[in-house]
């Protein structure tokens, strides 16, 4: 992208700026609860080089597209038991995704779910970059509830981060379950802490009123 707009930078300087942009994006998410986009992060990086581009910049649009394409070209592996667990839950419950997106867009996340054969399991997908706010803000949760047409007390949110997933869902009146298959965060205000997808499915299928 920098080559196309005629502004070359040394590889080590670009690496530094890329890492700095990641730290800034983490601050947007953690401190501002902001649902940022890929273009936001790219524009921040360009601003450090005193480069301004128009809103309709074709080069930024192409860079965004390449970031999205990389997600499906080099897909992260599913967690063990994830595919089976989601398909099992979809036979009993109406499911929605409420996700804080990272560098790739919500549409790219949908394509990844489709590539994994899981997109049809969800009636709605809600991403922070599209909403403009990230968890624990209420807007992402409320949009999912609206799309499903259910009240907060009729929904269970499953997530792995206490600060965003558990605290955010409880604040809007939803039930909360934490999935600790990857990270383990100590004590939780969730009604249950599952240690695997198998554990999660067993709990939700056996949970009264889930």
C-alpha atoms as a PDB file:
ATOM      1  CA  UNK A   1       0.000   0.000   0.000  1.00  0.00           C
ATOM      2  CA  UNK A   2       2.767   2.428   0.908  1.00  0.00           C
ATOM      3  CA  UNK A   3       4.518   1.681  -2.371  1.00  0.00           C
ATOM      4  CA  UNK A   4       1.322   2.383  -4.292  1.00  0.00           C
ATOM      5  CA  UNK A   5       0.866   5.778  -2.683  1.00  0.00           C
ATOM      6  CA  UNK A   6       4.521   6.648  -3.200  1.00  0.00           C
ATOM      7  CA  UNK A   7       5.685   6.602   0.417  1.00  0.00           C
ATOM      8  CA  UNK A   8       8.255   3.911   1.099  1.00  0.00           C
ATOM      9  CA  UNK A   9       9.451   3.210   4.660  1.00  0.00           C
ATOM     10  CA  UNK A  10      12.195   0.839   5.838  1.00  0.00           C
ATOM     11  CA  UNK A  11      11.005  -2.616   6.841  1.00  0.00           C
ATOM     12  CA  UNK A  12      12.062  -2.185  10.472  1.00  0.00           C
ATOM     13  CA  UNK A  13      10.197   1.127  10.713  1.00  0.00           C
ATOM     14  CA  UNK A  14       7.071  -0.419   9.225  1.00  0.00           C
ATOM     15  CA  UNK A  15       7.304  -3.300  11.694  1.00  0.00           C
ATOM     16  CA  UNK A  16       7.543  -0.803  14.557  1.00  0.00           C
ATOM     17  CA  UNK A  17       4.530   1.132  13.286  1.00  0.00           C
ATOM     18  CA  UNK A  18       2.527  -2.052  12.759  1.00  0.00           C
ATOM     19  CA  UNK A  19       3.172  -3.129  16.333  1.00  0.00           C
ATOM     20  CA  UNK A  20       2.336   0.365  17.571  1.00  0.00           C
ATOM     21  CA  UNK A  21      -0.939   0.270  15.652  1.00  0.00           C
ATOM     22  CA  UNK A  22      -1.802  -3.004  17.362  1.00  0.00           C
ATOM     23  CA  UNK A  23      -1.142  -1.453  20.774  1.00  0.00           C
ATOM     24  CA  UNK A  24      -3.294   1.562  19.874  1.00  0.00           C
ATOM     25  CA  UNK A  25      -6.111  -0.678  18.624  1.00  0.00           C
ATOM     26  CA  UNK A  26      -5.946  -2.631  21.873  1.00  0.00           C
ATOM     27  CA  UNK A  27      -6.333   0.670  23.762  1.00  0.00           C
ATOM     28  CA  UNK A  28      -9.393   1.570  21.651  1.00  0.00           C
ATOM     29  CA  UNK A  29     -10.907  -1.807  22.530  1.00  0.00           C
ATOM     30  CA  UNK A  30      -9.860  -2.027  26.179  1.00  0.00           C
ATOM     31  CA  UNK A  31     -10.191   1.583  27.345  1.00  0.00           C
ATOM     32  CA  UNK A  32     -12.663   3.153  24.923  1.00  0.00           C
ATOM     33  CA  UNK A  33     -14.757   0.027  24.194  1.00  0.00           C
ATOM     34  CA  UNK A  34     -14.612   1.105  20.575  1.00  0.00           C
ATOM     35  CA  UNK A  35     -15.594  -1.069  17.666  1.00  0.00           C
ATOM     36  CA  UNK A  36     -12.822  -0.078  15.272  1.00  0.00           C
ATOM     37  CA  UNK A  37     -12.372  -1.149  11.671  1.00  0.00           C
ATOM     38  CA  UNK A  38      -9.382  -2.300   9.655  1.00  0.00           C
ATOM     39  CA  UNK A  39      -9.352   1.070   7.879  1.00  0.00           C
ATOM     40  CA  UNK A  40      -9.222   2.884  11.256  1.00  0.00           C
ATOM     41  CA  UNK A  41      -6.058   1.052  12.200  1.00  0.00           C
ATOM     42  CA  UNK A  42      -4.471   1.603   8.784  1.00  0.00           C
ATOM     43  CA  UNK A  43      -5.291   5.312   8.880  1.00  0.00           C
ATOM     44  CA  UNK A  44      -3.755   5.589  12.351  1.00  0.00           C
ATOM     45  CA  UNK A  45      -0.560   4.009  11.045  1.00  0.00           C
ATOM     46  CA  UNK A  46      -0.490   6.404   8.077  1.00  0.00           C
ATOM     47  CA  UNK A  47      -1.022   9.365  10.411  1.00  0.00           C
ATOM     48  CA  UNK A  48       2.225   8.475  12.190  1.00  0.00           C
ATOM     49  CA  UNK A  49       3.908   9.049   8.814  1.00  0.00           C
ATOM     50  CA  UNK A  50       1.996  12.310   8.299  1.00  0.00           C
ATOM     51  CA  UNK A  51       0.091  10.740   5.408  1.00  0.00           C
ATOM     52  CA  UNK A  52      -3.527  11.732   4.857  1.00  0.00           C
ATOM     53  CA  UNK A  53      -5.757   9.918   2.405  1.00  0.00           C
ATOM     54  CA  UNK A  54      -9.283  10.741   1.179  1.00  0.00           C
ATOM     55  CA  UNK A  55     -12.242   8.845   2.607  1.00  0.00           C
ATOM     56  CA  UNK A  56     -12.616   6.925  -0.658  1.00  0.00           C
ATOM     57  CA  UNK A  57      -8.917   6.002  -0.948  1.00  0.00           C
ATOM     58  CA  UNK A  58      -8.665   3.017  -3.284  1.00  0.00           C
ATOM     59  CA  UNK A  59      -5.324   1.984  -1.793  1.00  0.00           C
ATOM     60  CA  UNK A  60      -6.690   1.701   1.744  1.00  0.00           C
ATOM     61  CA  UNK A  61      -9.707  -0.171   0.364  1.00  0.00           C
ATOM     62  CA  UNK A  62      -7.370  -2.642  -1.333  1.00  0.00           C
ATOM     63  CA  UNK A  63      -5.310  -3.059   1.836  1.00  0.00           C
ATOM     64  CA  UNK A  64      -8.492  -3.773   3.804  1.00  0.00           C
ATOM     65  CA  UNK A  65      -9.540  -6.350   1.210  1.00  0.00           C
ATOM     66  CA  UNK A  66      -6.143  -8.055   1.419  1.00  0.00           C
ATOM     67  CA  UNK A  67      -6.356  -8.242   5.219  1.00  0.00           C
ATOM     68  CA  UNK A  68      -9.798  -9.839   4.907  1.00  0.00           C
ATOM     69  CA  UNK A  69      -8.596 -12.270   2.247  1.00  0.00           C
ATOM     70  CA  UNK A  70      -5.735 -13.387   4.479  1.00  0.00           C
ATOM     71  CA  UNK A  71      -8.199 -14.558   7.142  1.00  0.00           C
ATOM     72  CA  UNK A  72      -9.745 -17.162   4.852  1.00  0.00           C
ATOM     73  CA  UNK A  73      -6.536 -17.939   2.955  1.00  0.00           C
ATOM     74  CA  UNK A  74      -4.684 -18.698   6.208  1.00  0.00           C
ATOM     75  CA  UNK A  75      -7.544 -19.611   8.548  1.00  0.00           C
ATOM     76  CA  UNK A  76      -6.990 -20.156  12.259  1.00  0.00           C
ATOM     77  CA  UNK A  77      -7.905 -23.664  13.382  1.00  0.00           C
ATOM     78  CA  UNK A  78     -11.147 -24.227  15.235  1.00  0.00           C
ATOM     79  CA  UNK A  79     -10.858 -25.064  18.909  1.00  0.00           C
ATOM     80  CA  UNK A  80     -11.209 -28.788  19.628  1.00  0.00           C
ATOM     81  CA  UNK A  81     -14.880 -29.714  19.737  1.00  0.00           C
ATOM     82  CA  UNK A  82     -16.060 -26.319  18.472  1.00  0.00           C
ATOM     83  CA  UNK A  83     -17.694 -27.464  15.226  1.00  0.00           C
ATOM     84  CA  UNK A  84     -19.464 -30.411  16.816  1.00  0.00           C
ATOM     85  CA  UNK A  85     -20.515 -28.345  19.816  1.00  0.00           C
ATOM     86  CA  UNK A  86     -21.976 -25.503  17.768  1.00  0.00           C
ATOM     87  CA  UNK A  87     -23.860 -27.868  15.470  1.00  0.00           C
ATOM     88  CA  UNK A  88     -25.260 -29.708  18.477  1.00  0.00           C
ATOM     89  CA  UNK A  89     -26.410 -26.491  20.163  1.00  0.00           C
ATOM     90  CA  UNK A  90     -27.960 -25.239  16.913  1.00  0.00           C
ATOM     91  CA  UNK A  91     -30.360 -28.166  16.920  1.00  0.00           C
ATOM     92  CA  UNK A  92     -31.770 -27.012  20.277  1.00  0.00           C
ATOM     93  CA  UNK A  93     -31.240 -23.259  20.474  1.00  0.00           C
ATOM     94  CA  UNK A  94     -31.315 -20.180  18.265  1.00  0.00           C
ATOM     95  CA  UNK A  95     -27.741 -18.963  18.065  1.00  0.00           C
ATOM     96  CA  UNK A  96     -26.101 -15.611  17.363  1.00  0.00           C
ATOM     97  CA  UNK A  97     -22.503 -14.414  17.273  1.00  0.00           C
ATOM     98  CA  UNK A  98     -21.588 -11.332  19.331  1.00  0.00           C
ATOM     99  CA  UNK A  99     -17.909 -10.716  18.632  1.00  0.00           C
ATOM    100  CA  UNK A 100     -15.300  -8.018  19.094  1.00  0.00           C
ATOM    101  CA  UNK A 101     -13.547  -8.126  15.744  1.00  0.00           C
ATOM    102  CA  UNK A 102      -9.811  -7.594  15.497  1.00  0.00           C
ATOM    103  CA  UNK A 103      -7.977  -6.641  12.337  1.00  0.00           C
ATOM    104  CA  UNK A 104     -10.335  -8.346   9.880  1.00  0.00           C
ATOM    105  CA  UNK A 105     -13.887  -7.187   9.149  1.00  0.00           C
ATOM    106  CA  UNK A 106     -17.185  -8.737  10.176  1.00  0.00           C
ATOM    107  CA  UNK A 107     -17.867  -9.831   6.611  1.00  0.00           C
ATOM    108  CA  UNK A 108     -14.537 -11.669   6.606  1.00  0.00           C
ATOM    109  CA  UNK A 109     -15.502 -13.374   9.860  1.00  0.00           C
ATOM    110  CA  UNK A 110     -18.767 -14.493   8.224  1.00  0.00           C
ATOM    111  CA  UNK A 111     -16.828 -15.904   5.281  1.00  0.00           C
ATOM    112  CA  UNK A 112     -14.596 -17.804   7.700  1.00  0.00           C
ATOM    113  CA  UNK A 113     -17.638 -19.266   9.454  1.00  0.00           C
ATOM    114  CA  UNK A 114     -19.050 -20.283   6.063  1.00  0.00           C
ATOM    115  CA  UNK A 115     -15.719 -21.843   5.114  1.00  0.00           C
ATOM    116  CA  UNK A 116     -15.843 -23.871   8.332  1.00  0.00           C
ATOM    117  CA  UNK A 117     -19.418 -24.891   7.521  1.00  0.00           C
ATOM    118  CA  UNK A 118     -20.841 -23.107  10.569  1.00  0.00           C
ATOM    119  CA  UNK A 119     -22.408 -19.871   9.325  1.00  0.00           C
ATOM    120  CA  UNK A 120     -25.823 -21.488   8.835  1.00  0.00           C
ATOM    121  CA  UNK A 121     -25.846 -22.432  12.522  1.00  0.00           C
ATOM    122  CA  UNK A 122     -26.288 -18.772  13.469  1.00  0.00           C
ATOM    123  CA  UNK A 123     -29.396 -16.684  12.902  1.00  0.00           C
ATOM    124  CA  UNK A 124     -27.428 -13.472  13.376  1.00  0.00           C
ATOM    125  CA  UNK A 125     -23.811 -12.333  13.496  1.00  0.00           C
ATOM    126  CA  UNK A 126     -22.967  -9.079  15.262  1.00  0.00           C
ATOM    127  CA  UNK A 127     -19.476  -7.581  15.116  1.00  0.00           C
ATOM    128  CA  UNK A 128     -18.079  -4.619  17.028  1.00  0.00           C
ATOM    129  CA  UNK A 129     -16.607  -3.044  13.898  1.00  0.00           C
ATOM    130  CA  UNK A 130     -20.090  -2.848  12.380  1.00  0.00           C
ATOM    131  CA  UNK A 131     -21.800  -1.650  15.564  1.00  0.00           C
ATOM    132  CA  UNK A 132     -19.122   0.937  16.388  1.00  0.00           C
ATOM    133  CA  UNK A 133     -18.938  -0.251  20.000  1.00  0.00           C
ATOM    134  CA  UNK A 134     -17.221  -3.215  21.637  1.00  0.00           C
ATOM    135  CA  UNK A 135     -18.165  -5.329  24.621  1.00  0.00           C
ATOM    136  CA  UNK A 136     -18.834  -4.672  27.502  1.00  0.00           C
ATOM    137  CA  UNK A 137     -20.887  -1.836  25.972  1.00  0.00           C
ATOM    138  CA  UNK A 138     -24.562  -2.834  25.726  1.00  0.00           C
ATOM    139  CA  UNK A 139     -25.005  -2.056  22.018  1.00  0.00           C
ATOM    140  CA  UNK A 140     -23.531  -5.293  20.571  1.00  0.00           C
ATOM    141  CA  UNK A 141     -25.565  -7.458  22.954  1.00  0.00           C
ATOM    142  CA  UNK A 142     -28.739  -5.485  22.301  1.00  0.00           C
ATOM    143  CA  UNK A 143     -28.345  -5.748  18.541  1.00  0.00           C
ATOM    144  CA  UNK A 144     -28.082  -9.530  18.791  1.00  0.00           C
ATOM    145  CA  UNK A 145     -31.135  -9.667  21.054  1.00  0.00           C
ATOM    146  CA  UNK A 146     -33.073  -7.487  18.615  1.00  0.00           C
ATOM    147  CA  UNK A 147     -32.135  -9.678  15.658  1.00  0.00           C
ATOM    148  CA  UNK A 148     -33.192 -12.789  17.519  1.00  0.00           C
ATOM    149  CA  UNK A 149     -36.332 -11.085  18.804  1.00  0.00           C
ATOM    150  CA  UNK A 150     -35.765 -12.174  22.416  1.00  0.00           C
ATOM    151  CA  UNK A 151     -35.572 -10.446  25.783  1.00  0.00           C
ATOM    152  CA  UNK A 152     -32.265 -10.346  27.713  1.00  0.00           C
ATOM    153  CA  UNK A 153     -33.504 -12.762  30.352  1.00  0.00           C
ATOM    154  CA  UNK A 154     -34.287 -15.316  27.651  1.00  0.00           C
ATOM    155  CA  UNK A 155     -30.690 -15.409  26.365  1.00  0.00           C
ATOM    156  CA  UNK A 156     -27.402 -16.907  27.517  1.00  0.00           C
ATOM    157  CA  UNK A 157     -24.123 -15.334  26.401  1.00  0.00           C
ATOM    158  CA  UNK A 158     -21.063 -17.570  26.149  1.00  0.00           C
ATOM    159  CA  UNK A 159     -17.616 -15.951  26.060  1.00  0.00           C
ATOM    160  CA  UNK A 160     -14.097 -16.329  27.370  1.00  0.00           C
ATOM    161  CA  UNK A 161     -13.292 -12.873  28.792  1.00  0.00           C
ATOM    162  CA  UNK A 162     -14.652 -11.870  32.179  1.00  0.00           C
ATOM    163  CA  UNK A 163     -14.331  -8.099  31.608  1.00  0.00           C
ATOM    164  CA  UNK A 164     -16.136  -8.000  28.282  1.00  0.00           C
ATOM    165  CA  UNK A 165     -18.211 -11.150  27.840  1.00  0.00           C
ATOM    166  CA  UNK A 166     -19.388 -11.915  31.344  1.00  0.00           C
ATOM    167  CA  UNK A 167     -19.652  -8.380  32.745  1.00  0.00           C
ATOM    168  CA  UNK A 168     -21.194  -7.006  29.558  1.00  0.00           C
ATOM    169  CA  UNK A 169     -23.881  -9.647  29.171  1.00  0.00           C
ATOM    170  CA  UNK A 170     -24.850  -9.580  32.840  1.00  0.00           C
ATOM    171  CA  UNK A 171     -25.147  -5.785  32.706  1.00  0.00           C
ATOM    172  CA  UNK A 172     -27.856  -5.993  30.028  1.00  0.00           C
ATOM    173  CA  UNK A 173     -29.755  -8.694  31.915  1.00  0.00           C
ATOM    174  CA  UNK A 174     -28.562 -11.778  30.055  1.00  0.00           C
ATOM    175  CA  UNK A 175     -27.315 -14.967  31.650  1.00  0.00           C
ATOM    176  CA  UNK A 176     -23.582 -15.566  31.296  1.00  0.00           C
ATOM    177  CA  UNK A 177     -21.423 -18.651  30.858  1.00  0.00           C
ATOM    178  CA  UNK A 178     -17.651 -18.440  30.539  1.00  0.00           C
ATOM    179  CA  UNK A 179     -15.694 -20.829  28.317  1.00  0.00           C
ATOM    180  CA  UNK A 180     -12.177 -21.342  29.638  1.00  0.00           C
ATOM    181  CA  UNK A 181     -10.893 -23.699  26.949  1.00  0.00           C
ATOM    182  CA  UNK A 182      -8.069 -21.310  25.988  1.00  0.00           C
ATOM    183  CA  UNK A 183      -7.632 -18.790  28.781  1.00  0.00           C
ATOM    184  CA  UNK A 184      -8.249 -19.292  32.475  1.00  0.00           C
ATOM    185  CA  UNK A 185      -9.177 -16.138  34.335  1.00  0.00           C
ATOM    186  CA  UNK A 186      -9.710 -17.215  37.933  1.00  0.00           C
ATOM    187  CA  UNK A 187     -13.008 -16.457  39.641  1.00  0.00           C
ATOM    188  CA  UNK A 188     -16.059 -15.531  37.615  1.00  0.00           C
ATOM    189  CA  UNK A 189     -19.481 -13.965  38.015  1.00  0.00           C
ATOM    190  CA  UNK A 190     -20.802 -16.286  35.319  1.00  0.00           C
ATOM    191  CA  UNK A 191     -23.333 -18.897  36.358  1.00  0.00           C
ATOM    192  CA  UNK A 192     -21.012 -21.599  35.033  1.00  0.00           C
ATOM    193  CA  UNK A 193     -17.404 -21.864  33.800  1.00  0.00           C
ATOM    194  CA  UNK A 194     -16.988 -24.531  31.122  1.00  0.00           C
ATOM    195  CA  UNK A 195     -13.544 -25.973  30.454  1.00  0.00           C
ATOM    196  CA  UNK A 196     -14.246 -27.368  26.964  1.00  0.00           C
ATOM    197  CA  UNK A 197     -16.884 -27.281  24.255  1.00  0.00           C
ATOM    198  CA  UNK A 198     -18.049 -30.696  25.365  1.00  0.00           C
ATOM    199  CA  UNK A 199     -18.479 -29.389  28.902  1.00  0.00           C
ATOM    200  CA  UNK A 200     -20.303 -26.319  27.556  1.00  0.00           C
ATOM    201  CA  UNK A 201     -22.747 -28.346  25.469  1.00  0.00           C
ATOM    202  CA  UNK A 202     -23.477 -30.708  28.343  1.00  0.00           C
ATOM    203  CA  UNK A 203     -24.192 -27.793  30.682  1.00  0.00           C
ATOM    204  CA  UNK A 204     -26.415 -25.858  28.257  1.00  0.00           C
ATOM    205  CA  UNK A 205     -28.398 -28.905  27.164  1.00  0.00           C
ATOM    206  CA  UNK A 206     -28.970 -29.829  30.790  1.00  0.00           C
ATOM    207  CA  UNK A 207     -29.563 -26.313  32.079  1.00  0.00           C
ATOM    208  CA  UNK A 208     -33.177 -25.627  32.949  1.00  0.00           C
ATOM    209  CA  UNK A 209     -34.589 -22.620  31.137  1.00  0.00           C
ATOM    210  CA  UNK A 210     -31.550 -22.225  28.848  1.00  0.00           C
END
